[in-house]
Every structure is written in structure tokens, then in C-alpha cells.
Protein backbone atom coordinates (compact mmCIF):
# COMPACT_ATOMS: atom_id res chain seq x y z
CA MET A 1 -51.26 -19.37 -2.52
CA ARG A 2 -48.23 -21.16 -3.53
CA MET A 3 -47.65 -18.55 -6.41
CA ASN A 4 -47.79 -15.83 -3.86
CA VAL A 5 -45.01 -17.53 -1.78
CA THR A 6 -42.94 -18.06 -4.85
CA HIS A 7 -43.36 -14.43 -5.86
CA ALA A 8 -42.57 -13.13 -2.38
CA THR A 9 -39.61 -15.62 -2.46
CA VAL A 10 -38.23 -14.22 -5.69
CA ALA A 11 -38.96 -10.69 -4.67
CA LEU A 12 -36.84 -11.21 -1.50
CA LEU A 13 -33.82 -12.76 -3.43
CA VAL A 14 -33.71 -9.71 -6.04
CA GLY A 15 -33.83 -7.39 -3.44
CA ALA A 16 -31.22 -9.06 -1.16
CA LEU A 17 -28.84 -9.22 -4.37
CA ALA A 18 -29.42 -5.80 -5.42
CA CYS A 19 -28.59 -4.49 -1.83
CA GLY A 20 -25.85 -6.90 -1.14
CA ARG A 21 -23.22 -5.92 -3.75
CA PRO A 22 -19.65 -6.63 -2.65
CA ALA A 23 -17.72 -3.55 -1.61
CA HIS A 24 -14.15 -3.08 -3.00
CA ALA A 25 -12.09 -2.81 0.21
CA GLY A 26 -8.21 -3.57 0.77
CA PRO A 27 -5.51 -4.78 -1.41
CA ALA A 28 -7.08 -8.12 -2.27
CA ASP A 29 -10.44 -6.95 -3.95
CA SER A 30 -9.55 -3.28 -4.92
CA PRO A 31 -9.56 -2.45 -8.73
CA LEU A 32 -5.87 -2.32 -9.94
CA PRO A 33 -4.81 1.41 -10.90
CA THR A 34 -3.45 2.62 -14.30
CA PHE A 35 -0.22 4.48 -13.90
CA SER A 36 -0.42 8.28 -14.91
CA ASP A 37 1.47 7.18 -18.10
CA GLY A 38 -1.61 4.97 -19.13
CA LYS A 39 0.13 1.72 -18.24
CA ALA A 40 -1.87 -0.75 -16.56
CA ALA A 41 -0.46 -2.05 -12.99
CA VAL A 42 -0.39 -5.91 -11.75
CA ALA A 43 -0.40 -6.45 -8.34
CA VAL A 44 3.17 -7.74 -7.30
CA TYR A 45 2.89 -8.08 -3.25
CA THR A 46 0.42 -7.37 -0.50
CA ALA A 47 1.36 -6.29 2.98
CA VAL A 48 -0.55 -6.42 6.17
CA GLY A 49 0.54 -4.36 9.38
CA VAL A 50 1.20 -1.03 7.29
CA ILE A 51 1.61 1.64 10.32
CA LYS A 52 1.71 5.34 10.05
CA ASN A 53 1.10 6.19 13.96
CA ASN A 54 2.85 7.32 16.82
CA ASN A 55 6.27 8.19 14.76
CA LEU A 56 6.36 4.53 13.45
CA GLU A 57 6.34 4.37 9.64
CA THR A 58 6.37 1.99 6.85
CA ALA A 59 8.96 1.93 4.20
CA PHE A 60 8.90 -0.07 0.91
CA VAL A 61 12.03 -0.61 -0.94
CA CYS A 62 11.53 -2.08 -4.31
CA THR A 63 13.93 -2.53 -7.27
CA ASN A 64 13.12 -3.32 -10.90
CA VAL A 65 14.78 -6.69 -11.63
CA ASP A 66 13.43 -6.63 -15.18
CA SER A 67 15.42 -6.14 -18.31
CA ALA A 68 13.28 -2.93 -19.22
CA PRO A 69 12.16 0.17 -17.52
CA ARG A 70 9.00 -0.48 -15.40
CA ASP A 71 6.68 1.62 -13.33
CA ILE A 72 6.38 1.01 -9.74
CA GLY A 73 3.85 2.11 -7.14
CA VAL A 74 2.47 1.53 -3.65
CA GLU A 75 -0.95 1.73 -2.62
CA VAL A 76 -1.80 1.87 1.16
CA PHE A 77 -5.09 0.92 2.74
CA ASP A 78 -6.39 1.94 6.38
CA GLU A 79 -8.31 -0.50 8.95
CA THR A 80 -11.51 0.21 7.24
CA GLY A 81 -9.91 -1.12 3.83
CA VAL A 82 -10.29 2.06 1.93
CA LEU A 83 -7.44 3.03 -0.51
CA ARG A 84 -5.70 6.39 1.02
CA ASN A 85 -3.51 7.22 -2.02
CA SER A 86 -3.60 7.51 -5.78
CA VAL A 87 -0.84 5.65 -7.75
CA HIS A 88 -2.54 7.07 -11.04
CA ALA A 89 -2.06 10.50 -9.43
CA GLY A 90 1.35 9.86 -8.86
CA ASN A 91 1.17 9.56 -5.02
CA GLY A 92 3.41 6.67 -4.28
CA ALA A 93 4.42 5.88 -7.85
CA PHE A 94 7.70 5.88 -9.96
CA LEU A 95 7.56 5.68 -13.80
CA ASP A 96 10.26 4.19 -15.82
CA VAL A 97 12.41 2.83 -12.99
CA SER A 98 15.66 1.66 -14.91
CA PRO A 99 16.64 -2.16 -14.56
CA GLY A 100 18.48 -2.32 -11.45
CA GLN A 101 17.45 0.74 -10.18
CA THR A 102 15.87 0.97 -6.51
CA LYS A 103 13.13 3.02 -5.08
CA THR A 104 12.05 3.67 -1.37
CA VAL A 105 8.82 4.96 -0.69
CA ASP A 106 7.76 5.72 2.77
CA THR A 107 4.42 7.08 4.76
CA SER A 108 6.69 9.74 6.24
CA SER A 109 10.31 10.98 6.08
CA SER A 110 12.42 9.29 8.55
CA ALA A 111 15.84 10.05 10.16
CA LEU A 112 17.09 6.56 9.28
CA LEU A 113 16.32 6.08 5.47
CA HIS A 114 16.44 7.83 2.52
CA GLU A 115 13.05 8.11 0.76
CA ASP A 116 12.77 8.82 -2.93
CA ALA A 117 8.84 9.86 -2.29
CA ILE A 118 6.38 10.02 0.59
CA ILE A 119 2.97 8.70 0.38
CA THR A 120 0.18 11.45 1.15
CA LEU A 121 -2.94 10.07 2.77
CA ASP A 122 -6.09 11.12 1.45
CA LEU A 123 -8.11 12.63 4.54
CA THR A 124 -11.26 12.53 2.80
CA VAL A 125 -11.73 8.98 2.71
CA GLY A 126 -11.65 5.99 5.26
CA ASN A 127 -10.96 6.86 8.90
CA LEU A 128 -10.56 10.60 7.56
CA MET A 129 -7.05 10.82 9.83
CA ASN A 130 -3.68 11.08 8.79
CA ASN A 131 -2.71 7.79 10.30
CA LEU A 132 -2.79 3.94 9.63
CA ARG A 133 -3.24 1.95 12.65
CA ASN A 134 -3.92 -1.64 11.24
CA GLY A 135 -3.48 -0.88 7.56
CA SER A 136 -2.56 -2.87 4.53
CA GLY A 137 -0.76 -2.24 1.28
CA ARG A 138 -0.11 -3.46 -2.19
CA VAL A 139 2.79 -2.98 -4.33
CA VAL A 140 1.86 -2.72 -8.00
CA ALA A 141 3.96 -2.61 -11.00
CA THR A 142 3.88 -2.65 -14.90
CA SER A 143 5.66 -6.08 -14.74
CA LYS A 144 5.81 -8.76 -11.96
CA ASN A 145 9.76 -8.62 -12.12
CA VAL A 146 10.00 -6.39 -9.05
CA SER A 147 11.71 -7.19 -6.04
CA CYS A 148 10.44 -5.39 -2.76
CA THR A 149 11.01 -5.38 1.05
CA ALA A 150 8.93 -3.39 3.78
CA MET A 151 9.98 -2.54 7.01
CA LEU A 152 8.37 -0.52 10.10
CA VAL A 153 10.87 2.31 10.89
CA ASP A 154 11.00 4.77 13.77
CA LYS A 155 10.59 8.28 12.40
CA PHE A 156 13.02 10.26 14.54
CA HIS A 157 15.90 8.02 15.53
CA SER A 158 18.92 6.91 13.82
CA ILE A 159 21.72 4.80 14.14
CA CYS A 160 24.67 6.08 15.86
CA ASP A 161 28.10 6.24 14.44
CA PRO A 162 30.04 3.67 16.29
CA ALA A 163 33.26 6.21 16.42
CA ALA A 164 31.45 8.80 18.32
CA PRO A 165 29.98 8.99 21.59
CA CYS A 166 26.20 8.64 21.41
CA ASN A 167 23.29 8.23 24.27
CA ASN A 168 20.20 7.97 21.79
CA PRO A 169 18.23 5.00 21.81
CA PRO A 170 18.58 2.79 18.87
CA PRO A 171 15.80 3.03 16.29
CA THR A 172 13.00 0.74 15.96
CA VAL A 173 13.17 -1.08 12.75
CA ALA A 174 11.25 -4.29 12.13
CA ASN A 175 10.65 -6.55 9.09
CA LEU A 176 7.00 -6.32 7.40
CA PRO A 177 6.56 -9.43 5.71
CA LEU A 178 5.14 -8.95 2.08
CA THR A 179 3.26 -11.98 0.30
CA ARG A 180 3.80 -12.17 -3.51
CA VAL A 181 0.80 -11.87 -5.64
CA PRO A 182 0.35 -15.14 -8.09
């Protein structure tokens, strides 16, 4: 009888381990990409609160502070933790960014900023929608020597010229904290 209980316990544990594999989700545990030029990425920053919804967009501004050209990319994840763009395919990626050069990638164009690239969301995965409500993000590069900031930006409004009359409401701009990855 004791042997049957032991066999049953072992069978249950093996079954649970086989079915209970951890899923890759979000910036903390998703595999790091390889850039399209074959260079491996390292995680530089993570962001929580990435939004692309109701005309509020997220912009990432990154500068290469290294002494050599580096690849820089931004990955975005929706509220389900699913990666919504491919840095490997060039979506949200910049190759060979010169030392001192700054690149801006946004979840959509905006009236306020200049974007060097727009991230196109993959509509076949995650929430299947063209939005990020409670998303997250990850800045990746071929070196940790990248300095970035992120912000939430009103898509349509811009800052008025103080020398000209203007009745437009001021744009929404808010810092989005980035956490440096050790």
C-alpha cells in the first residue's frame, strides 16, 4: 500500500511539473532579442505604465553615451505581458547609433515631439488590439552605456508659441519612470 501511495505522489509531482512550466511574460522574464544585424541585446531599462490609448502615447528618448556605435531598441508589452513588437524585425530598433546621438521611438506620432521611429503593435498576439492600457516596456541595446527617458504624451496638442495668440489647451506630458536593469 505504501508503495502505491509513493508512486501516486511521484506521478502527481511529475505531472504538475510537466504542466506547470513558467510562461515568458513581460519585460522581466521574456528572452532578450537579437538585433537584425545579429548582435545580441542586453536589458538596459524597464518601464511600467506604457500607454497607447485614448490619444495618449508613450515616447522613449535614448542617447548612446558609449564611445562606439551601438544598437538600441524598445520592446513594449501589453497588459497580458505579451510582447507586441519585434526589435529583431526592426520594429522599435535603431542600428549603429553613433556616440552622442539621440533617437526617439514612440507608440504613435504626436504633434509635440519628433519621432525617429513609430512602434507598430502586432495585432495577432496579446490583447489583439491596437492599444496598450496598462502596458510595460523594456529598453534593450548592445551596451549598457545608453541613457534614456520616457514620457506619456498627448498625441494631438502641442505647445503654443508664447508670441502668438493661442486658445489650445496645453498638451499632456508626464514623466514615465525607467528602472535601470543591473
